[in-house]
Amino acid sequence: MIEQFTGEYRWLSNFYPCEIRFRGKRYFAVEYAYLSAKSTDKEWKKMCSEASEKPGKIKKKASTCNLYLIGRQLKLT
């Protein structure tokens, strides 16, 4: 059983560095794209796509912002 996303399982984390394209924007971790999808605010989306801050820090900011989850309408293609 996998207990943590470290070592050989690090790549399973949403915070793992990778390039992902979602709705015409490029993100540098799945977590950036996920958090971007939680708002329609253009500045928020820009901050998520530029990856100027670590995903954990943006996730922390998300808890203090008025964000919403699109839910079932959200589809990755």
C-alpha atoms as a PDB file:
ATOM      1  CA  MET A   1       0.000   0.000   0.000  1.00  0.00           C
ATOM      2  CA  ILE A   2       1.180   3.522  -0.828  1.00  0.00           C
ATOM      3  CA  GLU A   3       1.255   5.641   2.311  1.00  0.00           C
ATOM      4  CA  GLN A   4       2.896   8.821   0.988  1.00  0.00           C
ATOM      5  CA  PHE A   5       3.636  10.359  -2.381  1.00  0.00           C
ATOM      6  CA  THR A   6       7.395  10.341  -1.824  1.00  0.00           C
ATOM      7  CA  GLY A   7      10.322   8.480  -3.318  1.00  0.00           C
ATOM      8  CA  GLU A   8       9.278   6.273  -6.204  1.00  0.00           C
ATOM      9  CA  TYR A   9       5.633   7.387  -5.762  1.00  0.00           C
ATOM     10  CA  ARG A  10       6.345  11.141  -5.809  1.00  0.00           C
ATOM     11  CA  TRP A  11       4.991  11.382  -9.358  1.00  0.00           C
ATOM     12  CA  LEU A  12       1.506  10.484  -8.077  1.00  0.00           C
ATOM     13  CA  SER A  13       1.191  13.788  -6.221  1.00  0.00           C
ATOM     14  CA  ASN A  14      -0.817  16.683  -7.666  1.00  0.00           C
ATOM     15  CA  PHE A  15       2.176  18.825  -6.676  1.00  0.00           C
ATOM     16  CA  TYR A  16       4.628  16.852  -8.836  1.00  0.00           C
ATOM     17  CA  PRO A  17       6.223  19.163 -11.435  1.00  0.00           C
ATOM     18  CA  CYS A  18       4.888  18.490 -14.922  1.00  0.00           C
ATOM     19  CA  GLU A  19       3.492  20.468 -17.826  1.00  0.00           C
ATOM     20  CA  ILE A  20      -0.248  20.219 -18.316  1.00  0.00           C
ATOM     21  CA  ARG A  21      -2.479  22.158 -20.695  1.00  0.00           C
ATOM     22  CA  PHE A  22      -6.006  22.891 -19.592  1.00  0.00           C
ATOM     23  CA  ARG A  23      -8.511  25.196 -21.272  1.00  0.00           C
ATOM     24  CA  GLY A  24      -5.864  26.869 -23.388  1.00  0.00           C
ATOM     25  CA  LYS A  25      -3.425  27.602 -20.574  1.00  0.00           C
ATOM     26  CA  ARG A  26      -0.212  25.884 -19.538  1.00  0.00           C
ATOM     27  CA  TYR A  27       0.322  24.824 -15.918  1.00  0.00           C
ATOM     28  CA  PHE A  28       3.369  23.342 -14.229  1.00  0.00           C
ATOM     29  CA  ALA A  29       1.604  20.901 -11.894  1.00  0.00           C
ATOM     30  CA  VAL A  30      -1.853  19.331 -11.791  1.00  0.00           C
ATOM     31  CA  GLU A  31      -2.569  21.265  -8.576  1.00  0.00           C
ATOM     32  CA  TYR A  32      -2.146  24.607 -10.405  1.00  0.00           C
ATOM     33  CA  ALA A  33      -4.712  23.607 -13.040  1.00  0.00           C
ATOM     34  CA  TYR A  34      -7.110  22.273 -10.402  1.00  0.00           C
ATOM     35  CA  LEU A  35      -6.937  25.459  -8.326  1.00  0.00           C
ATOM     36  CA  SER A  36      -7.269  27.626 -11.429  1.00  0.00           C
ATOM     37  CA  ALA A  37     -10.499  25.826 -12.327  1.00  0.00           C
ATOM     38  CA  LYS A  38     -12.018  26.815  -8.989  1.00  0.00           C
ATOM     39  CA  SER A  39     -12.473  30.451 -10.009  1.00  0.00           C
ATOM     40  CA  THR A  40     -13.471  32.635 -12.918  1.00  0.00           C
ATOM     41  CA  ASP A  41     -11.195  35.443 -11.685  1.00  0.00           C
ATOM     42  CA  LYS A  42      -8.640  36.228 -14.414  1.00  0.00           C
ATOM     43  CA  GLU A  43      -5.940  37.356 -11.961  1.00  0.00           C
ATOM     44  CA  TRP A  44      -6.301  34.115 -10.004  1.00  0.00           C
ATOM     45  CA  LYS A  45      -5.993  32.059 -13.184  1.00  0.00           C
ATOM     46  CA  LYS A  46      -2.942  34.070 -14.235  1.00  0.00           C
ATOM     47  CA  MET A  47      -1.251  33.471 -10.884  1.00  0.00           C
ATOM     48  CA  CYS A  48      -1.928  29.743 -11.161  1.00  0.00           C
ATOM     49  CA  SER A  49      -0.658  29.475 -14.735  1.00  0.00           C
ATOM     50  CA  GLU A  50       2.493  31.529 -14.135  1.00  0.00           C
ATOM     51  CA  ALA A  51       3.508  29.277 -11.221  1.00  0.00           C
ATOM     52  CA  SER A  52       5.237  32.179  -9.533  1.00  0.00           C
ATOM     53  CA  GLU A  53       4.460  30.583  -6.177  1.00  0.00           C
ATOM     54  CA  LYS A  54       4.693  26.957  -5.080  1.00  0.00           C
ATOM     55  CA  PRO A  55       1.430  25.014  -5.481  1.00  0.00           C
ATOM     56  CA  GLY A  56       1.168  24.468  -1.711  1.00  0.00           C
ATOM     57  CA  LYS A  57       1.265  28.218  -1.128  1.00  0.00           C
ATOM     58  CA  ILE A  58      -1.413  28.835  -3.767  1.00  0.00           C
ATOM     59  CA  LYS A  59      -3.507  26.072  -2.221  1.00  0.00           C
ATOM     60  CA  LYS A  60      -3.239  27.877   1.116  1.00  0.00           C
ATOM     61  CA  LYS A  61      -4.326  31.156  -0.537  1.00  0.00           C
ATOM     62  CA  ALA A  62      -7.283  29.324  -2.079  1.00  0.00           C
ATOM     63  CA  SER A  63      -8.613  28.564   1.390  1.00  0.00           C
ATOM     64  CA  THR A  64      -8.901  32.308   2.065  1.00  0.00           C
ATOM     65  CA  CYS A  65     -10.391  33.279  -1.312  1.00  0.00           C
ATOM     66  CA  ASN A  66     -13.975  33.135  -2.466  1.00  0.00           C
ATOM     67  CA  LEU A  67     -13.581  30.252  -4.900  1.00  0.00           C
ATOM     68  CA  TYR A  68     -16.065  27.729  -6.189  1.00  0.00           C
ATOM     69  CA  LEU A  69     -15.722  24.339  -7.783  1.00  0.00           C
ATOM     70  CA  ILE A  70     -17.285  23.892 -11.176  1.00  0.00           C
ATOM     71  CA  GLY A  71     -17.859  20.245 -10.276  1.00  0.00           C
ATOM     72  CA  ARG A  72     -19.341  17.855 -12.776  1.00  0.00           C
ATOM     73  CA  GLN A  73     -19.096  20.385 -15.587  1.00  0.00           C
ATOM     74  CA  LEU A  74     -15.296  20.330 -15.280  1.00  0.00           C
ATOM     75  CA  LYS A  75     -13.799  17.929 -17.789  1.00  0.00           C
ATOM     76  CA  LEU A  76     -10.156  17.355 -18.630  1.00  0.00           C
ATOM     77  CA  THR A  77      -9.579  16.697 -22.305  1.00  0.00           C
END
